């Protein structure tokens, strides 16, 4: 049975492997950009929990508790690396961060969760999400949000089960949010 523990810097290679392995769409073919956009900042500056089986990380949930801090650090330290690799992704990420600033005021935390396919189901995602939500509540964070591919019905169903909500506008961008 998989166990949950806090992530640590030593997990970085494995977490990067998982983010690339579970990527979909255009990100499947852009491993370096995928790592920068969805993993590295959170390992270096955020919080998170690892799903571990037989001492091997098989999934994770990563989070930034403060969207303003995320934007400041990501813009300075990670976005220039994205620009060097893929100018189109750089422009898209800058636009996304501008749009997300309003959301970040009301839901200051945002998260990414990925689990290797063979470990999906059986409550593993729920255990990760519950660990993070408990931590956010303990840290007095008022809300959390996430982005999801609008075609990922399995993930959307999971987020709804975990109490995440959307509205018509947010849904068109794949945004789900939860008050804590």
N, C-alpha and C. Protein backbone atom coordinates (compact mmCIF):
# COMPACT_ATOMS: atom_id res chain seq x y z
N UNK A 1 0.84 -1.19 0.00
CA UNK A 1 0.00 0.00 0.00
C UNK A 1 0.88 1.25 0.00
N UNK A 2 0.52 2.21 -0.82
CA UNK A 2 1.27 3.45 -0.94
C UNK A 2 1.12 4.30 0.32
N UNK A 3 2.18 5.01 0.64
CA UNK A 3 2.20 5.90 1.80
C UNK A 3 2.41 7.33 1.33
N UNK A 4 2.07 8.29 2.19
CA UNK A 4 2.24 9.71 1.89
C UNK A 4 3.33 10.26 2.80
N UNK A 5 4.21 11.06 2.23
CA UNK A 5 5.21 11.79 3.01
C UNK A 5 5.48 13.12 2.32
N UNK A 6 6.07 14.07 3.04
CA UNK A 6 6.39 15.35 2.44
C UNK A 6 7.47 15.15 1.37
N UNK A 7 7.43 15.99 0.34
CA UNK A 7 8.47 15.92 -0.68
C UNK A 7 9.75 16.50 -0.11
N UNK A 8 10.86 16.15 -0.74
CA UNK A 8 12.15 16.73 -0.38
C UNK A 8 12.96 16.93 -1.66
N UNK A 9 14.01 17.70 -1.57
CA UNK A 9 14.84 18.02 -2.75
C UNK A 9 15.37 16.76 -3.42
N UNK A 10 15.63 15.72 -2.64
CA UNK A 10 16.15 14.47 -3.20
C UNK A 10 15.15 13.78 -4.13
N UNK A 11 13.89 14.18 -4.07
CA UNK A 11 12.85 13.60 -4.93
C UNK A 11 12.82 14.22 -6.32
N UNK A 12 13.60 15.27 -6.56
CA UNK A 12 13.45 16.07 -7.78
C UNK A 12 13.51 15.24 -9.07
N UNK A 13 14.50 14.39 -9.23
CA UNK A 13 14.60 13.60 -10.46
C UNK A 13 13.36 12.74 -10.68
N UNK A 14 12.88 12.13 -9.63
CA UNK A 14 11.72 11.25 -9.74
C UNK A 14 10.44 12.06 -10.03
N UNK A 15 10.29 13.22 -9.38
CA UNK A 15 9.13 14.06 -9.63
C UNK A 15 9.15 14.58 -11.07
N UNK A 16 10.32 14.95 -11.56
CA UNK A 16 10.44 15.39 -12.94
C UNK A 16 10.10 14.25 -13.91
N UNK A 17 10.52 13.05 -13.59
CA UNK A 17 10.17 11.89 -14.42
C UNK A 17 8.64 11.74 -14.48
N UNK A 18 7.99 11.84 -13.33
CA UNK A 18 6.54 11.65 -13.27
C UNK A 18 5.81 12.75 -14.03
N UNK A 19 6.24 14.01 -13.90
CA UNK A 19 5.54 15.10 -14.60
C UNK A 19 5.63 14.91 -16.11
N UNK A 20 6.76 14.42 -16.60
CA UNK A 20 6.91 14.18 -18.04
C UNK A 20 6.12 12.94 -18.45
N UNK A 21 6.19 11.90 -17.65
CA UNK A 21 5.49 10.64 -17.95
C UNK A 21 3.98 10.82 -18.00
N UNK A 22 3.44 11.70 -17.16
CA UNK A 22 1.99 11.89 -17.09
C UNK A 22 1.50 13.07 -17.94
N UNK A 23 2.42 13.76 -18.59
CA UNK A 23 2.05 14.91 -19.42
C UNK A 23 1.17 14.47 -20.59
N UNK A 24 0.34 15.40 -21.03
CA UNK A 24 -0.51 15.11 -22.18
C UNK A 24 -0.37 16.22 -23.21
N UNK A 25 -0.94 16.00 -24.35
CA UNK A 25 -0.93 17.01 -25.41
C UNK A 25 0.47 17.43 -25.80
N UNK A 26 0.63 18.72 -26.01
CA UNK A 26 1.92 19.23 -26.49
C UNK A 26 3.03 19.06 -25.46
N UNK A 27 2.67 18.97 -24.19
CA UNK A 27 3.70 18.88 -23.14
C UNK A 27 4.39 17.52 -23.13
N UNK A 28 3.77 16.53 -23.70
CA UNK A 28 4.39 15.19 -23.78
C UNK A 28 5.69 15.26 -24.57
N UNK A 29 5.74 16.16 -25.56
CA UNK A 29 6.91 16.28 -26.44
C UNK A 29 7.83 17.44 -26.06
N UNK A 30 7.59 18.04 -24.91
CA UNK A 30 8.40 19.16 -24.44
C UNK A 30 8.85 18.91 -23.00
N UNK A 31 9.67 17.90 -22.77
CA UNK A 31 9.98 17.54 -21.38
C UNK A 31 10.64 18.64 -20.56
N UNK A 32 11.55 19.39 -21.13
CA UNK A 32 12.24 20.43 -20.34
C UNK A 32 11.29 21.56 -19.97
N UNK A 33 10.44 21.96 -20.89
CA UNK A 33 9.44 23.01 -20.60
C UNK A 33 8.43 22.49 -19.58
N UNK A 34 8.02 21.24 -19.74
CA UNK A 34 7.05 20.64 -18.82
C UNK A 34 7.59 20.64 -17.39
N UNK A 35 8.84 20.27 -17.22
CA UNK A 35 9.45 20.27 -15.89
C UNK A 35 9.46 21.68 -15.30
N UNK A 36 9.84 22.66 -16.12
CA UNK A 36 9.90 24.05 -15.64
C UNK A 36 8.52 24.60 -15.29
N UNK A 37 7.54 24.32 -16.12
CA UNK A 37 6.21 24.89 -15.91
C UNK A 37 5.44 24.24 -14.77
N UNK A 38 5.61 22.94 -14.60
CA UNK A 38 4.71 22.21 -13.70
C UNK A 38 5.38 21.51 -12.53
N UNK A 39 6.70 21.66 -12.38
CA UNK A 39 7.35 20.87 -11.34
C UNK A 39 8.44 21.63 -10.58
N UNK A 40 9.42 22.15 -11.28
CA UNK A 40 10.63 22.63 -10.62
C UNK A 40 10.41 23.73 -9.59
N UNK A 41 9.59 24.73 -9.92
CA UNK A 41 9.34 25.80 -8.95
C UNK A 41 8.84 25.23 -7.63
N UNK A 42 7.91 24.31 -7.72
CA UNK A 42 7.24 23.78 -6.53
C UNK A 42 8.20 22.97 -5.66
N UNK A 43 9.09 22.25 -6.28
CA UNK A 43 10.08 21.48 -5.53
C UNK A 43 11.02 22.45 -4.81
N UNK A 44 11.44 23.49 -5.51
CA UNK A 44 12.41 24.43 -4.95
C UNK A 44 11.80 25.41 -3.96
N UNK A 45 10.53 25.77 -4.13
CA UNK A 45 9.94 26.87 -3.35
C UNK A 45 8.60 26.58 -2.70
N UNK A 46 7.97 25.50 -3.06
CA UNK A 46 6.62 25.23 -2.59
C UNK A 46 6.57 24.17 -1.51
N UNK A 47 5.40 23.59 -1.40
CA UNK A 47 5.19 22.47 -0.48
C UNK A 47 4.62 21.32 -1.28
N UNK A 48 4.65 20.15 -0.71
CA UNK A 48 4.05 19.04 -1.43
C UNK A 48 4.22 17.72 -0.70
N UNK A 49 3.52 16.74 -1.24
CA UNK A 49 3.53 15.40 -0.67
C UNK A 49 3.80 14.40 -1.77
N UNK A 50 4.54 13.38 -1.42
CA UNK A 50 4.86 12.31 -2.36
C UNK A 50 4.05 11.08 -2.00
N UNK A 51 3.62 10.36 -3.03
CA UNK A 51 2.99 9.05 -2.89
C UNK A 51 4.11 8.04 -3.11
N UNK A 52 4.39 7.25 -2.08
CA UNK A 52 5.56 6.38 -2.12
C UNK A 52 5.13 4.93 -1.93
N UNK A 53 5.64 4.07 -2.79
CA UNK A 53 5.43 2.63 -2.63
C UNK A 53 6.78 1.94 -2.78
N UNK A 54 7.12 1.11 -1.80
CA UNK A 54 8.41 0.41 -1.79
C UNK A 54 9.57 1.38 -1.98
N UNK A 55 9.54 2.50 -1.27
CA UNK A 55 10.56 3.55 -1.30
C UNK A 55 10.73 4.24 -2.65
N UNK A 56 9.76 4.10 -3.55
CA UNK A 56 9.80 4.76 -4.85
C UNK A 56 8.61 5.71 -4.96
N UNK A 57 8.88 6.96 -5.34
CA UNK A 57 7.82 7.94 -5.52
C UNK A 57 7.05 7.58 -6.79
N UNK A 58 5.73 7.43 -6.65
CA UNK A 58 4.88 7.04 -7.78
C UNK A 58 3.82 8.10 -8.10
N UNK A 59 3.80 9.18 -7.32
CA UNK A 59 2.87 10.27 -7.54
C UNK A 59 3.19 11.40 -6.59
N UNK A 60 2.55 12.54 -6.82
CA UNK A 60 2.81 13.69 -5.96
C UNK A 60 1.68 14.70 -6.07
N UNK A 61 1.67 15.60 -5.11
CA UNK A 61 0.86 16.82 -5.18
C UNK A 61 1.78 17.95 -4.75
N UNK A 62 1.88 18.97 -5.59
CA UNK A 62 2.76 20.11 -5.35
C UNK A 62 1.92 21.37 -5.26
N UNK A 63 2.36 22.33 -4.46
CA UNK A 63 1.54 23.51 -4.24
C UNK A 63 2.40 24.73 -3.92
N UNK A 64 1.94 25.86 -4.42
CA UNK A 64 2.43 27.16 -3.97
C UNK A 64 1.32 27.75 -3.12
N UNK A 65 1.64 28.17 -1.92
CA UNK A 65 0.61 28.71 -1.02
C UNK A 65 0.33 30.19 -1.27
N UNK A 66 1.19 30.86 -2.04
CA UNK A 66 1.09 32.31 -2.20
C UNK A 66 1.30 32.65 -3.68
N UNK A 67 0.22 32.97 -4.39
CA UNK A 67 0.33 33.19 -5.83
C UNK A 67 1.23 34.37 -6.16
N UNK A 68 1.17 35.44 -5.38
CA UNK A 68 2.03 36.60 -5.65
C UNK A 68 3.50 36.22 -5.54
N UNK A 69 3.85 35.48 -4.50
CA UNK A 69 5.24 35.02 -4.34
C UNK A 69 5.63 34.12 -5.52
N UNK A 70 4.71 33.24 -5.91
CA UNK A 70 4.97 32.37 -7.05
C UNK A 70 5.28 33.19 -8.30
N UNK A 71 4.45 34.18 -8.61
CA UNK A 71 4.66 35.01 -9.80
C UNK A 71 6.01 35.71 -9.74
N UNK A 72 6.34 36.29 -8.59
CA UNK A 72 7.61 37.01 -8.44
C UNK A 72 8.80 36.08 -8.69
N UNK A 73 8.82 34.94 -8.04
CA UNK A 73 9.96 34.02 -8.16
C UNK A 73 9.96 33.34 -9.53
N UNK A 74 8.80 32.90 -10.00
CA UNK A 74 8.74 32.20 -11.28
C UNK A 74 9.19 33.13 -12.41
N UNK A 75 8.74 34.38 -12.37
CA UNK A 75 9.10 35.35 -13.40
C UNK A 75 10.61 35.60 -13.43
N UNK A 76 11.20 35.66 -12.27
CA UNK A 76 12.64 35.95 -12.16
C UNK A 76 13.51 34.73 -12.46
N UNK A 77 13.17 33.57 -11.92
CA UNK A 77 14.08 32.42 -11.94
C UNK A 77 13.74 31.33 -12.95
N UNK A 78 12.48 31.19 -13.32
CA UNK A 78 12.08 30.05 -14.17
C UNK A 78 11.63 30.48 -15.56
N UNK A 79 10.92 31.58 -15.65
CA UNK A 79 10.40 32.02 -16.94
C UNK A 79 11.52 32.31 -17.96
N UNK A 80 12.65 32.89 -17.56
CA UNK A 80 13.73 33.07 -18.55
C UNK A 80 14.24 31.74 -19.13
N UNK A 81 14.22 30.69 -18.34
CA UNK A 81 14.63 29.37 -18.84
C UNK A 81 13.60 28.84 -19.85
N UNK A 82 12.32 29.09 -19.56
CA UNK A 82 11.26 28.69 -20.51
C UNK A 82 11.47 29.44 -21.82
N UNK A 83 11.76 30.74 -21.73
CA UNK A 83 11.96 31.56 -22.93
C UNK A 83 13.11 31.04 -23.79
N UNK A 84 14.18 30.59 -23.16
CA UNK A 84 15.33 30.05 -23.90
C UNK A 84 14.96 28.78 -24.68
N UNK A 85 14.06 28.00 -24.13
CA UNK A 85 13.70 26.72 -24.74
C UNK A 85 12.56 26.86 -25.74
N UNK A 86 11.54 27.68 -25.41
CA UNK A 86 10.34 27.74 -26.22
C UNK A 86 9.67 29.10 -26.05
N UNK A 87 9.88 29.99 -27.01
CA UNK A 87 9.35 31.35 -26.91
C UNK A 87 7.82 31.38 -26.88
N UNK A 88 7.17 30.48 -27.61
CA UNK A 88 5.71 30.44 -27.62
C UNK A 88 5.18 30.09 -26.22
N UNK A 89 5.76 29.09 -25.57
CA UNK A 89 5.33 28.72 -24.21
C UNK A 89 5.62 29.85 -23.22
N UNK A 90 6.70 30.58 -23.44
CA UNK A 90 7.04 31.73 -22.61
C UNK A 90 5.92 32.78 -22.69
N UNK A 91 5.49 33.12 -23.90
CA UNK A 91 4.43 34.11 -24.09
C UNK A 91 3.12 33.62 -23.48
N UNK A 92 2.78 32.36 -23.72
CA UNK A 92 1.55 31.81 -23.16
C UNK A 92 1.56 31.83 -21.64
N UNK A 93 2.69 31.50 -21.03
CA UNK A 93 2.78 31.48 -19.57
C UNK A 93 2.66 32.90 -19.01
N UNK A 94 3.27 33.88 -19.67
CA UNK A 94 3.16 35.27 -19.21
C UNK A 94 1.70 35.73 -19.25
N UNK A 95 1.01 35.41 -20.34
CA UNK A 95 -0.41 35.76 -20.45
C UNK A 95 -1.24 35.05 -19.38
N UNK A 96 -0.96 33.79 -19.18
CA UNK A 96 -1.68 33.01 -18.16
C UNK A 96 -1.49 33.62 -16.78
N UNK A 97 -0.26 34.01 -16.45
CA UNK A 97 0.00 34.59 -15.13
C UNK A 97 -0.72 35.92 -14.96
N UNK A 98 -0.84 36.71 -16.03
CA UNK A 98 -1.59 37.97 -15.94
C UNK A 98 -3.06 37.71 -15.64
N UNK A 99 -3.64 36.74 -16.34
CA UNK A 99 -5.05 36.40 -16.12
C UNK A 99 -5.28 35.79 -14.73
N UNK A 100 -4.32 34.99 -14.27
CA UNK A 100 -4.48 34.28 -13.00
C UNK A 100 -4.27 35.16 -11.77
N UNK A 101 -3.73 36.36 -11.94
CA UNK A 101 -3.50 37.25 -10.78
C UNK A 101 -4.79 37.54 -10.01
N UNK A 102 -5.87 37.75 -10.73
CA UNK A 102 -7.15 38.02 -10.06
C UNK A 102 -7.58 36.79 -9.27
N UNK A 103 -7.50 35.64 -9.88
CA UNK A 103 -7.85 34.40 -9.20
C UNK A 103 -6.98 34.21 -7.95
N UNK A 104 -5.70 34.51 -8.07
CA UNK A 104 -4.76 34.35 -6.97
C UNK A 104 -5.06 35.23 -5.76
N UNK A 105 -5.78 36.31 -5.97
CA UNK A 105 -6.16 37.17 -4.83
C UNK A 105 -7.17 36.49 -3.93
N UNK A 106 -8.07 35.73 -4.52
CA UNK A 106 -9.13 35.08 -3.76
C UNK A 106 -8.78 33.63 -3.38
N UNK A 107 -7.95 33.01 -4.20
CA UNK A 107 -7.52 31.63 -4.00
C UNK A 107 -5.99 31.64 -4.09
N UNK A 108 -5.30 32.01 -3.01
CA UNK A 108 -3.86 32.25 -3.10
C UNK A 108 -3.00 31.02 -3.39
N UNK A 109 -3.49 29.85 -3.09
CA UNK A 109 -2.71 28.63 -3.34
C UNK A 109 -3.13 28.01 -4.67
N UNK A 110 -2.18 27.41 -5.35
CA UNK A 110 -2.53 26.61 -6.53
C UNK A 110 -1.70 25.34 -6.52
N UNK A 111 -2.23 24.30 -7.16
CA UNK A 111 -1.61 22.99 -7.04
C UNK A 111 -1.49 22.27 -8.37
N UNK A 112 -0.61 21.26 -8.35
CA UNK A 112 -0.46 20.29 -9.44
C UNK A 112 -0.42 18.92 -8.79
N UNK A 113 -1.13 17.98 -9.38
CA UNK A 113 -1.13 16.61 -8.87
C UNK A 113 -0.93 15.67 -10.05
N UNK A 114 -0.03 14.73 -9.91
CA UNK A 114 0.22 13.72 -10.94
C UNK A 114 0.52 12.39 -10.26
N UNK A 115 -0.08 11.34 -10.80
CA UNK A 115 0.13 9.98 -10.29
C UNK A 115 0.34 9.08 -11.50
N UNK A 116 1.36 8.23 -11.42
CA UNK A 116 1.57 7.27 -12.51
C UNK A 116 0.32 6.43 -12.68
N UNK A 117 -0.02 6.12 -13.92
CA UNK A 117 -1.29 5.46 -14.27
C UNK A 117 -1.56 4.22 -13.43
N UNK A 118 -0.56 3.37 -13.23
CA UNK A 118 -0.79 2.13 -12.50
C UNK A 118 -1.12 2.33 -11.02
N UNK A 119 -0.96 3.58 -10.52
CA UNK A 119 -1.28 3.88 -9.13
C UNK A 119 -2.52 4.76 -8.99
N UNK A 120 -3.16 5.07 -10.13
CA UNK A 120 -4.41 5.84 -10.09
C UNK A 120 -5.53 4.95 -9.58
N UNK A 121 -6.48 5.55 -8.93
CA UNK A 121 -7.56 4.79 -8.34
C UNK A 121 -7.16 4.25 -6.98
N UNK A 122 -8.04 3.62 -6.33
CA UNK A 122 -7.73 3.04 -5.02
C UNK A 122 -7.54 4.05 -3.92
N UNK A 123 -7.91 5.32 -4.16
CA UNK A 123 -7.84 6.32 -3.11
C UNK A 123 -6.52 7.07 -3.01
N UNK A 124 -5.56 6.80 -3.89
CA UNK A 124 -4.25 7.46 -3.79
C UNK A 124 -4.35 8.96 -4.01
N UNK A 125 -5.10 9.39 -5.01
CA UNK A 125 -5.28 10.82 -5.25
C UNK A 125 -5.98 11.50 -4.09
N UNK A 126 -6.96 10.83 -3.54
CA UNK A 126 -7.70 11.38 -2.39
C UNK A 126 -6.76 11.55 -1.20
N UNK A 127 -5.90 10.57 -0.94
CA UNK A 127 -4.95 10.69 0.18
C UNK A 127 -4.01 11.87 -0.02
N UNK A 128 -3.51 12.05 -1.24
CA UNK A 128 -2.63 13.19 -1.51
C UNK A 128 -3.37 14.51 -1.32
N UNK A 129 -4.56 14.60 -1.89
CA UNK A 129 -5.34 15.84 -1.81
C UNK A 129 -5.70 16.16 -0.36
N UNK A 130 -6.12 15.16 0.39
CA UNK A 130 -6.46 15.39 1.79
C UNK A 130 -5.26 15.87 2.61
N UNK A 131 -4.08 15.31 2.34
CA UNK A 131 -2.87 15.74 3.05
C UNK A 131 -2.59 17.21 2.76
N UNK A 132 -2.70 17.60 1.49
CA UNK A 132 -2.43 18.99 1.12
C UNK A 132 -3.49 19.92 1.69
N UNK A 133 -4.75 19.58 1.56
CA UNK A 133 -5.82 20.45 2.06
C UNK A 133 -5.72 20.64 3.57
N UNK A 134 -5.35 19.59 4.29
CA UNK A 134 -5.14 19.70 5.73
C UNK A 134 -4.02 20.70 6.03
N UNK A 135 -2.91 20.59 5.28
CA UNK A 135 -1.78 21.50 5.46
C UNK A 135 -2.18 22.93 5.16
N UNK A 136 -2.91 23.14 4.07
CA UNK A 136 -3.33 24.50 3.72
C UNK A 136 -4.24 25.09 4.80
N UNK A 137 -5.12 24.27 5.33
CA UNK A 137 -5.99 24.74 6.41
C UNK A 137 -5.17 25.09 7.64
N UNK A 138 -4.21 24.26 7.99
CA UNK A 138 -3.33 24.52 9.13
C UNK A 138 -2.53 25.81 8.93
N UNK A 139 -2.15 26.09 7.67
CA UNK A 139 -1.39 27.30 7.35
C UNK A 139 -2.29 28.51 7.13
N UNK A 140 -3.59 28.33 7.38
CA UNK A 140 -4.58 29.41 7.28
C UNK A 140 -4.70 29.98 5.87
N UNK A 141 -4.56 29.13 4.86
CA UNK A 141 -4.75 29.52 3.47
C UNK A 141 -6.25 29.42 3.18
N UNK A 142 -6.82 30.44 2.58
CA UNK A 142 -8.27 30.53 2.42
C UNK A 142 -8.82 29.83 1.18
N UNK A 143 -7.97 29.59 0.19
CA UNK A 143 -8.48 28.96 -1.02
C UNK A 143 -7.36 28.43 -1.90
N UNK A 144 -7.71 27.46 -2.72
CA UNK A 144 -6.76 26.82 -3.63
C UNK A 144 -7.43 26.63 -4.98
N UNK A 145 -6.65 26.67 -6.05
CA UNK A 145 -7.18 26.46 -7.39
C UNK A 145 -6.21 25.62 -8.20
N UNK A 146 -6.69 25.18 -9.33
CA UNK A 146 -5.86 24.39 -10.24
C UNK A 146 -6.39 24.54 -11.65
N UNK A 147 -5.53 24.24 -12.60
CA UNK A 147 -5.93 24.21 -14.01
C UNK A 147 -5.92 22.76 -14.48
N UNK A 148 -6.86 22.42 -15.33
CA UNK A 148 -6.96 21.06 -15.84
C UNK A 148 -7.38 21.11 -17.30
N UNK A 149 -6.87 20.20 -18.08
CA UNK A 149 -7.29 20.07 -19.48
C UNK A 149 -8.79 19.81 -19.50
N UNK A 150 -9.53 20.59 -20.25
CA UNK A 150 -10.99 20.48 -20.30
C UNK A 150 -11.46 19.11 -20.78
N UNK A 151 -10.59 18.37 -21.46
CA UNK A 151 -10.94 17.04 -21.96
C UNK A 151 -10.60 15.92 -20.97
N UNK A 152 -9.99 16.26 -19.85
CA UNK A 152 -9.59 15.25 -18.87
C UNK A 152 -10.76 15.00 -17.91
N UNK A 153 -11.74 14.27 -18.39
CA UNK A 153 -12.97 14.06 -17.61
C UNK A 153 -12.70 13.28 -16.33
N UNK A 154 -11.75 12.39 -16.34
CA UNK A 154 -11.41 11.62 -15.13
C UNK A 154 -10.92 12.55 -14.02
N UNK A 155 -10.00 13.45 -14.38
CA UNK A 155 -9.48 14.39 -13.38
C UNK A 155 -10.57 15.35 -12.91
N UNK A 156 -11.36 15.86 -13.84
CA UNK A 156 -12.43 16.79 -13.47
C UNK A 156 -13.41 16.14 -12.50
N UNK A 157 -13.75 14.90 -12.76
CA UNK A 157 -14.63 14.16 -11.86
C UNK A 157 -14.01 14.04 -10.46
N UNK A 158 -12.71 13.76 -10.41
CA UNK A 158 -12.00 13.67 -9.13
C UNK A 158 -12.03 15.02 -8.40
N UNK A 159 -11.74 16.11 -9.11
CA UNK A 159 -11.72 17.43 -8.46
C UNK A 159 -13.09 17.80 -7.92
N UNK A 160 -14.13 17.49 -8.68
CA UNK A 160 -15.48 17.76 -8.20
C UNK A 160 -15.78 16.94 -6.95
N UNK A 161 -15.35 15.68 -6.95
CA UNK A 161 -15.54 14.82 -5.77
C UNK A 161 -14.83 15.40 -4.55
N UNK A 162 -13.71 16.08 -4.79
CA UNK A 162 -12.93 16.67 -3.69
C UNK A 162 -13.45 18.05 -3.30
N UNK A 163 -14.55 18.49 -3.91
CA UNK A 163 -15.18 19.75 -3.53
C UNK A 163 -14.75 20.96 -4.33
N UNK A 164 -13.99 20.78 -5.39
CA UNK A 164 -13.60 21.90 -6.24
C UNK A 164 -14.79 22.29 -7.11
N UNK A 165 -14.91 23.59 -7.35
CA UNK A 165 -16.03 24.12 -8.13
C UNK A 165 -15.49 24.98 -9.27
N UNK A 166 -16.37 25.27 -10.21
CA UNK A 166 -16.02 26.15 -11.32
C UNK A 166 -17.25 26.97 -11.67
N UNK A 167 -17.09 27.88 -12.60
CA UNK A 167 -18.23 28.59 -13.17
C UNK A 167 -18.03 28.58 -14.68
N UNK A 168 -18.97 29.15 -15.41
CA UNK A 168 -18.93 29.06 -16.87
C UNK A 168 -17.64 29.63 -17.44
N UNK A 169 -17.24 30.80 -16.99
CA UNK A 169 -16.01 31.42 -17.50
C UNK A 169 -14.78 30.61 -17.11
N UNK A 170 -14.67 30.26 -15.82
CA UNK A 170 -13.51 29.50 -15.35
C UNK A 170 -13.45 28.13 -16.03
N UNK A 171 -14.60 27.52 -16.23
CA UNK A 171 -14.64 26.20 -16.86
C UNK A 171 -14.07 26.24 -18.27
N UNK A 172 -14.29 27.34 -18.99
CA UNK A 172 -13.76 27.46 -20.35
C UNK A 172 -12.23 27.49 -20.36
N UNK A 173 -11.62 27.87 -19.22
CA UNK A 173 -10.16 27.86 -19.08
C UNK A 173 -9.66 26.64 -18.32
N UNK A 174 -10.55 25.75 -17.91
CA UNK A 174 -10.15 24.57 -17.15
C UNK A 174 -9.75 24.89 -15.73
N UNK A 175 -10.36 25.90 -15.11
CA UNK A 175 -10.01 26.34 -13.77
C UNK A 175 -11.05 25.80 -12.77
N UNK A 176 -10.54 25.16 -11.71
CA UNK A 176 -11.37 24.67 -10.62
C UNK A 176 -10.80 25.23 -9.34
N UNK A 177 -11.68 25.60 -8.40
CA UNK A 177 -11.23 26.25 -7.17
C UNK A 177 -12.00 25.72 -5.98
N UNK A 178 -11.39 25.91 -4.80
CA UNK A 178 -11.99 25.41 -3.57
C UNK A 178 -11.67 26.37 -2.44
N UNK A 179 -12.68 26.73 -1.67
CA UNK A 179 -12.47 27.49 -0.43
C UNK A 179 -12.08 26.49 0.64
N UNK A 180 -11.19 26.92 1.51
CA UNK A 180 -10.71 26.02 2.57
C UNK A 180 -11.21 26.52 3.91
